[in-house]
């Protein structure tokens, strides 16, 4: 009964341009911390006044830190605009349980907010629905975007679904989201010209490094390391401070890490903020990633290993960057799902890339 009442309330919601802007700002803020929040999801929150003007925007920064809603409310107090709180826009359903931080649902109930706009329900099967039901029971009007009939509401619901996709798979399937990045020249070869490490444009390099920044693990092959000696560091965009990523080295040989790689490379990788893991069995890779609390991993490897990923269907998205004779590289994203976090991450307005020009999503 309670869920149906919430649904009826949502159908009456006025999805104005001010609310659209609130979701746009909340998602943009959350995207700045993708790659740092695991095992928590990236979440953004925008708070509006009665006129629809934004009072503050916040995001969850990392596990153990304040959730997006709690930080936004703290900012409202600091700015002296607490009494002006009217609409709270959040990309993910507020939590209703106590973990490292108190429940956001209870914090929101103590505010003068009239409406709580929720981009997507919490996919965690143990807590799903508890947040929005508690808010409704506490007297707040709750608008769930997936229960809105308008196209604009469904559009922004999908943006929130994209943002949350790795966390959703992590919670429901106990598996990491794996994105393969493949760069090719005009002839379809992955081998760059002699003396060069890449043939893609500066814009494509920026995209690739933004994706690195947004993932918690890099997967590669032992031969790629021996031939190219790649650092896998984030260099073309600012990286998260003090972040540690997992570097998974795939090898068919039943050898130890110290036998597969030089002592110098291992030491340098650790200096660059990586913890290293050798994987001798690709079929166990999803299990290994989940055990290390990796929500989103990126594959950067040679054609032999990529073929293995393709044949074994060990991927969720496939990002292809193909060099063109003139102009910018062609960038295409194929997703096996109805969501695409890569599309969302690389389409962030901070990098001035339009979705329509960037990729083609194939479900």
Protein backbone atom coordinates (compact mmCIF):
# COMPACT_ATOMS: atom_id res chain seq x y z
CA UNK A 1 0.00 0.00 0.00
CA UNK A 2 2.74 2.44 0.93
CA UNK A 3 4.63 1.84 -2.30
CA UNK A 4 1.48 2.46 -4.35
CA UNK A 5 0.84 5.76 -2.56
CA UNK A 6 4.36 6.91 -3.35
CA UNK A 7 3.78 5.96 -6.98
CA UNK A 8 0.62 8.08 -7.16
CA UNK A 9 2.45 11.03 -5.66
CA UNK A 10 5.19 10.71 -8.25
CA UNK A 11 2.72 10.93 -11.14
CA UNK A 12 1.72 14.45 -10.02
CA UNK A 13 5.28 15.79 -9.96
CA UNK A 14 6.15 18.85 -12.04
CA UNK A 15 9.44 17.99 -13.74
CA UNK A 16 10.50 21.57 -14.44
CA UNK A 17 13.72 22.87 -15.98
CA UNK A 18 14.91 23.71 -12.46
CA UNK A 19 14.56 20.05 -11.45
CA UNK A 20 16.33 18.98 -14.65
CA UNK A 21 19.18 21.32 -13.79
CA UNK A 22 19.29 19.86 -10.28
CA UNK A 23 19.73 16.33 -11.63
CA UNK A 24 22.32 17.55 -14.15
CA UNK A 25 24.36 19.20 -11.40
CA UNK A 26 24.01 16.25 -9.00
CA UNK A 27 25.21 13.75 -11.62
CA UNK A 28 28.06 16.01 -12.66
CA UNK A 29 29.24 16.28 -9.05
CA UNK A 30 29.02 12.53 -8.51
CA UNK A 31 31.10 11.92 -11.63
CA UNK A 32 34.02 13.80 -10.10
CA UNK A 33 34.42 10.98 -7.55
CA UNK A 34 33.80 7.92 -9.72
CA UNK A 35 36.74 5.61 -9.10
CA UNK A 36 37.17 6.65 -5.48
CA UNK A 37 33.96 5.62 -3.70
CA UNK A 38 34.21 1.80 -3.94
CA UNK A 39 32.79 -0.29 -2.46
CA UNK A 40 30.21 2.49 -2.05
CA UNK A 41 28.36 3.90 -5.06
CA UNK A 42 29.00 7.34 -6.55
CA UNK A 43 26.07 9.56 -5.52
CA UNK A 44 25.23 13.20 -6.11
CA UNK A 45 22.75 15.49 -4.37
CA UNK A 46 21.42 18.96 -5.21
CA UNK A 47 19.24 21.04 -2.87
CA UNK A 48 16.88 23.69 -4.23
CA UNK A 49 14.86 26.49 -2.64
CA UNK A 50 11.17 27.26 -3.20
CA UNK A 51 11.93 29.12 -6.44
CA UNK A 52 13.98 26.23 -7.80
CA UNK A 53 17.35 27.91 -7.38
CA UNK A 54 20.19 25.64 -6.29
CA UNK A 55 21.33 26.17 -2.72
CA UNK A 56 24.13 23.61 -2.77
CA UNK A 57 25.43 20.51 -4.58
CA UNK A 58 27.43 17.67 -3.02
CA UNK A 59 28.60 14.13 -3.68
CA UNK A 60 29.87 11.14 -1.76
CA UNK A 61 33.67 11.37 -1.85
CA UNK A 62 34.85 8.01 -0.53
CA UNK A 63 33.89 5.14 1.75
CA UNK A 64 33.64 6.34 5.35
CA UNK A 65 33.00 9.96 4.33
CA UNK A 66 29.62 11.68 4.53
CA UNK A 67 27.00 10.52 2.05
CA UNK A 68 26.00 13.03 -0.61
CA UNK A 69 22.78 14.05 1.17
CA UNK A 70 24.47 14.48 4.54
CA UNK A 71 27.25 16.58 3.04
CA UNK A 72 24.76 18.74 1.13
CA UNK A 73 22.77 19.34 4.32
CA UNK A 74 25.95 20.20 6.20
CA UNK A 75 26.78 22.72 3.48
CA UNK A 76 23.30 24.25 3.79
CA UNK A 77 23.89 24.84 7.50
CA UNK A 78 27.31 26.35 6.85
CA UNK A 79 25.84 28.68 4.21
CA UNK A 80 22.95 29.72 6.45
CA UNK A 81 20.28 28.54 3.99
CA UNK A 82 18.82 25.66 6.03
CA UNK A 83 15.37 27.28 6.27
CA UNK A 84 15.23 27.68 2.48
CA UNK A 85 15.49 23.93 1.73
CA UNK A 86 12.56 22.85 -0.43
CA UNK A 87 13.50 20.21 -3.02
CA UNK A 88 16.19 17.61 -2.45
CA UNK A 89 17.43 15.86 -5.59
CA UNK A 90 19.49 12.72 -5.14
CA UNK A 91 20.73 10.30 -7.78
CA UNK A 92 20.31 7.23 -5.54
CA UNK A 93 17.63 6.40 -2.97
CA UNK A 94 18.72 7.70 0.46
CA UNK A 95 19.91 5.01 2.84
CA UNK A 96 17.73 3.99 5.78
CA UNK A 97 20.29 1.96 7.72
CA UNK A 98 23.26 2.75 9.91
CA UNK A 99 26.64 1.78 8.50
CA UNK A 100 29.74 3.92 8.85
CA UNK A 101 27.40 6.92 8.77
CA UNK A 102 23.85 7.54 10.11
CA UNK A 103 20.78 7.02 7.86
CA UNK A 104 20.28 9.81 5.32
CA UNK A 105 16.52 9.24 5.41
CA UNK A 106 16.39 10.33 9.04
CA UNK A 107 18.60 13.34 8.33
CA UNK A 108 16.27 14.44 5.53
CA UNK A 109 13.20 14.07 7.74
CA UNK A 110 14.67 16.67 10.09
CA UNK A 111 14.82 19.27 7.31
CA UNK A 112 12.11 21.63 5.98
CA UNK A 113 12.30 19.85 2.59
CA UNK A 114 8.94 19.35 0.92
CA UNK A 115 9.95 16.97 -1.86
CA UNK A 116 12.63 14.31 -2.28
CA UNK A 117 13.45 13.44 -5.91
CA UNK A 118 15.11 10.03 -6.34
CA UNK A 119 16.91 9.12 -9.55
CA UNK A 120 17.10 5.36 -8.98
CA UNK A 121 16.09 2.99 -6.19
CA UNK A 122 18.85 1.34 -4.17
CA UNK A 123 19.73 -1.97 -5.92
CA UNK A 124 20.98 -3.50 -2.68
CA UNK A 125 18.41 -6.31 -2.14
CA UNK A 126 18.76 -6.02 1.63
CA UNK A 127 17.76 -2.34 1.80
CA UNK A 128 15.84 -1.69 -1.46
CA UNK A 129 12.85 0.60 -0.96
CA UNK A 130 13.40 1.24 2.72
CA UNK A 131 14.65 4.77 2.19
CA UNK A 132 11.82 6.14 0.09
CA UNK A 133 9.18 4.38 2.18
CA UNK A 134 10.60 5.86 5.39
CA UNK A 135 10.64 9.34 3.84
CA UNK A 136 7.03 8.98 2.73
CA UNK A 137 5.96 7.71 6.13
CA UNK A 138 7.72 10.72 7.66
CA UNK A 139 5.56 13.14 5.67
CA UNK A 140 7.76 13.98 2.69
CA UNK A 141 6.55 13.91 -0.89
CA UNK A 142 8.71 11.35 -2.68
CA UNK A 143 9.18 11.32 -6.45
CA UNK A 144 10.75 8.20 -7.97
CA UNK A 145 11.89 8.89 -11.52
CA UNK A 146 11.31 5.31 -12.70
CA UNK A 147 7.62 5.75 -11.81
CA UNK A 148 7.29 8.98 -13.78
CA UNK A 149 5.64 8.65 -17.18
CA UNK A 150 7.25 11.66 -18.89
CA UNK A 151 10.11 11.17 -21.33
CA UNK A 152 12.28 13.76 -19.59
CA UNK A 153 11.93 11.97 -16.25
CA UNK A 154 12.80 8.65 -17.87
CA UNK A 155 15.81 10.25 -19.53
CA UNK A 156 17.24 11.43 -16.21
CA UNK A 157 16.38 8.12 -14.59
CA UNK A 158 18.55 6.44 -17.25
CA UNK A 159 21.42 8.84 -16.51
CA UNK A 160 21.27 7.76 -12.88
CA UNK A 161 21.10 4.09 -13.92
CA UNK A 162 24.24 4.60 -16.04
CA UNK A 163 26.06 6.26 -13.16
CA UNK A 164 25.20 3.39 -10.82
CA UNK A 165 25.70 0.44 -13.19
CA UNK A 166 28.97 -0.95 -11.74
CA UNK A 167 27.59 -0.76 -8.19
CA UNK A 168 24.36 -2.42 -9.30
CA UNK A 169 26.21 -5.38 -10.83
CA UNK A 170 28.48 -5.54 -7.79
CA UNK A 171 25.48 -5.78 -5.45
CA UNK A 172 23.20 -8.05 -7.50
CA UNK A 173 25.69 -10.39 -9.17
CA UNK A 174 28.74 -10.14 -6.90
CA UNK A 175 30.80 -9.30 -9.99
CA UNK A 176 32.80 -6.33 -11.20
CA UNK A 177 31.84 -4.29 -14.24
CA UNK A 178 34.52 -4.79 -16.91
CA UNK A 179 35.11 -2.26 -19.68
CA UNK A 180 37.49 -3.16 -22.51
CA UNK A 181 39.35 -0.30 -24.18
CA UNK A 182 40.67 -1.02 -27.67
CA UNK A 183 42.57 1.54 -29.79
CA UNK A 184 43.15 0.86 -33.48
CA UNK A 185 44.66 2.66 -36.47
CA UNK A 186 42.86 3.18 -39.78
CA UNK A 187 43.79 -0.33 -40.91
CA UNK A 188 42.38 -1.90 -37.76
CA UNK A 189 45.77 -2.71 -36.23
CA UNK A 190 46.46 -2.21 -32.52
CA UNK A 191 50.22 -1.87 -33.09
CA UNK A 192 51.41 1.77 -33.09
CA UNK A 193 54.16 2.99 -35.45
CA UNK A 194 57.73 2.20 -34.47
CA UNK A 195 58.98 4.56 -31.80
CA UNK A 196 55.47 5.52 -30.67
CA UNK A 197 53.21 4.16 -27.94
CA UNK A 198 49.94 5.41 -29.42
CA UNK A 199 48.37 6.69 -32.63
CA UNK A 200 45.23 8.19 -31.10
CA UNK A 201 44.54 11.91 -30.81
CA UNK A 202 45.01 14.03 -27.71
CA UNK A 203 41.25 14.08 -27.21
CA UNK A 204 41.14 10.27 -27.28
CA UNK A 205 44.03 10.08 -24.82
CA UNK A 206 42.07 12.34 -22.50
CA UNK A 207 39.06 10.03 -22.76
CA UNK A 208 41.18 6.96 -22.04
CA UNK A 209 42.79 8.53 -19.00
CA UNK A 210 39.44 9.75 -17.70
CA UNK A 211 38.25 6.15 -17.88
CA UNK A 212 41.36 5.02 -16.03
CA UNK A 213 40.61 7.60 -13.36
CA UNK A 214 37.07 6.27 -12.98
CA UNK A 215 38.00 2.61 -12.52
CA UNK A 216 39.50 0.82 -9.52
CA UNK A 217 41.47 -1.79 -11.45
CA UNK A 218 43.48 -2.13 -14.66
CA UNK A 219 43.63 -5.55 -16.31
CA UNK A 220 46.46 -6.32 -18.73
CA UNK A 221 48.59 -9.16 -20.06
CA UNK A 222 52.09 -10.08 -19.00
CA UNK A 223 53.31 -9.72 -22.60
CA UNK A 224 51.92 -6.17 -22.83
CA UNK A 225 54.01 -5.22 -19.81
CA UNK A 226 57.15 -6.90 -21.13
CA UNK A 227 56.83 -5.29 -24.57
CA UNK A 228 55.54 -1.79 -23.73
CA UNK A 229 56.46 -1.31 -20.03
CA UNK A 230 53.27 0.74 -19.50
CA UNK A 231 52.83 2.75 -16.30
CA UNK A 232 48.97 2.76 -16.44
CA UNK A 233 49.00 6.00 -14.46
CA UNK A 234 46.45 8.79 -14.98
CA UNK A 235 48.26 11.65 -16.68
CA UNK A 236 46.01 13.54 -19.12
CA UNK A 237 43.40 14.48 -16.48
CA UNK A 238 43.86 15.19 -12.76
CA UNK A 239 43.81 11.94 -10.78
CA UNK A 240 42.13 11.31 -7.45
CA UNK A 241 44.53 12.09 -4.59
CA UNK A 242 46.05 9.18 -2.65
CA UNK A 243 44.18 6.52 -4.65
CA UNK A 244 45.34 2.91 -4.82
CA UNK A 245 44.32 0.81 -7.81
CA UNK A 246 44.60 -2.88 -8.50
CA UNK A 247 46.79 -3.93 -11.44
CA UNK A 248 45.81 -7.41 -12.58
CA UNK A 249 48.36 -9.15 -14.79
CA UNK A 250 46.96 -12.06 -16.79
CA UNK A 251 49.32 -14.93 -17.67
CA UNK A 252 48.69 -18.47 -18.85
CA UNK A 253 51.91 -19.62 -17.24
CA UNK A 254 51.60 -21.07 -13.75
CA UNK A 255 54.18 -18.72 -12.32
CA UNK A 256 54.49 -16.29 -9.45
CA UNK A 257 54.32 -12.52 -9.89
CA UNK A 258 58.02 -12.19 -9.11
CA UNK A 259 58.82 -14.65 -11.92
CA UNK A 260 56.51 -13.00 -14.47
CA UNK A 261 57.71 -9.40 -14.02
CA UNK A 262 60.99 -7.70 -13.26
CA UNK A 263 61.69 -6.51 -9.76
CA UNK A 264 62.09 -2.97 -11.11
CA UNK A 265 58.63 -2.97 -12.77
CA UNK A 266 56.93 -4.32 -9.64
CA UNK A 267 58.62 -1.70 -7.47
CA UNK A 268 57.71 1.11 -9.89
CA UNK A 269 54.08 -0.01 -10.13
CA UNK A 270 53.76 0.05 -6.35
CA UNK A 271 55.35 3.50 -6.28
CA UNK A 272 52.70 4.58 -8.82
CA UNK A 273 49.92 3.54 -6.44
CA UNK A 274 49.14 0.03 -7.65
CA UNK A 275 48.73 -3.19 -5.76
CA UNK A 276 49.58 -6.08 -8.09
CA UNK A 277 47.76 -9.35 -8.62
CA UNK A 278 48.64 -12.19 -10.98
CA UNK A 279 45.74 -14.04 -12.64
CA UNK A 280 46.56 -17.44 -14.16
CA UNK A 281 42.93 -18.36 -14.89
CA UNK A 282 40.71 -15.89 -16.75
CA UNK A 283 37.56 -17.71 -15.67
CA UNK A 284 38.41 -16.79 -12.08
CA UNK A 285 38.95 -13.13 -12.89
CA UNK A 286 35.45 -11.90 -11.91
CA UNK A 287 35.77 -13.74 -8.60
CA UNK A 288 39.20 -12.20 -7.94
CA UNK A 289 38.00 -8.69 -8.72
CA UNK A 290 34.97 -9.01 -6.46
CA UNK A 291 37.15 -10.36 -3.64
CA UNK A 292 39.24 -7.19 -3.89
CA UNK A 293 36.09 -5.00 -3.79
CA UNK A 294 36.55 -3.75 -7.34
CA UNK A 295 33.30 -2.38 -8.77
CA UNK A 296 34.69 -1.22 -12.12
CA UNK A 297 37.73 -2.58 -13.98
CA UNK A 298 39.27 -1.55 -17.29
CA UNK A 299 41.09 -3.86 -19.70
CA UNK A 300 44.12 -2.40 -21.48
CA UNK A 301 45.88 -5.23 -23.29
CA UNK A 302 47.04 -6.60 -26.62
CA UNK A 303 44.93 -8.33 -29.28
CA UNK A 304 45.52 -11.88 -28.00
CA UNK A 305 44.15 -11.18 -24.51
CA UNK A 306 41.32 -9.04 -25.89
CA UNK A 307 40.28 -11.95 -28.08
CA UNK A 308 40.13 -14.14 -24.98
CA UNK A 309 37.86 -11.61 -23.29
CA UNK A 310 35.64 -11.50 -26.36
CA UNK A 311 35.37 -15.29 -26.74
CA UNK A 312 34.72 -15.85 -23.04
CA UNK A 313 32.25 -12.93 -22.88
CA UNK A 314 34.17 -11.49 -19.93
CA UNK A 315 33.16 -7.91 -20.61
CA UNK A 316 30.27 -5.53 -20.02
CA UNK A 317 31.26 -2.65 -22.30
CA UNK A 318 33.63 -2.44 -25.24
CA UNK A 319 35.14 0.97 -25.98
CA UNK A 320 36.72 1.25 -29.43
CA UNK A 321 38.85 4.22 -30.46
CA UNK A 322 39.67 4.12 -34.17
CA UNK A 323 42.02 6.52 -35.90
CA UNK A 324 40.53 8.43 -38.85
CA UNK A 325 42.22 9.81 -41.95
CA UNK A 326 41.06 13.30 -41.04
CA UNK A 327 39.60 14.91 -37.94
CA UNK A 328 39.08 13.34 -34.55
CA UNK A 329 39.17 9.60 -33.88
CA UNK A 330 35.95 7.60 -34.08
CA UNK A 331 34.85 6.60 -30.55
CA UNK A 332 32.25 3.88 -30.13
CA UNK A 333 30.84 2.15 -27.04
CA UNK A 334 29.00 -1.16 -27.11
CA UNK A 335 27.25 -2.29 -23.94
CA UNK A 336 25.80 -5.73 -23.23
CA UNK A 337 23.33 -4.08 -20.85
CA UNK A 338 20.73 -1.34 -20.85
CA UNK A 339 23.22 0.85 -18.96
CA UNK A 340 26.56 2.38 -19.90
CA UNK A 341 28.68 3.97 -17.15
CA UNK A 342 31.44 4.65 -19.70
CA UNK A 343 29.03 6.69 -21.78
CA UNK A 344 28.04 8.63 -18.67
CA UNK A 345 31.60 9.15 -17.43
CA UNK A 346 33.01 10.29 -20.77
CA UNK A 347 30.00 12.49 -21.49
CA UNK A 348 30.46 14.56 -18.35
CA UNK A 349 30.00 18.22 -19.23
CA UNK A 350 33.27 18.99 -17.42
CA UNK A 351 35.06 17.56 -20.44
CA UNK A 352 32.83 19.28 -23.00
CA UNK A 353 31.86 16.10 -24.86
CA UNK A 354 28.37 15.63 -26.24
CA UNK A 355 26.86 12.15 -25.90
CA UNK A 356 25.50 12.12 -29.42
CA UNK A 357 28.95 12.80 -30.87
CA UNK A 358 30.79 10.44 -28.57
CA UNK A 359 29.30 7.02 -28.85
CA UNK A 360 26.71 4.62 -30.07
CA UNK A 361 25.15 2.47 -27.38
CA UNK A 362 24.10 -1.01 -28.41
CA UNK A 363 22.20 -3.01 -25.80
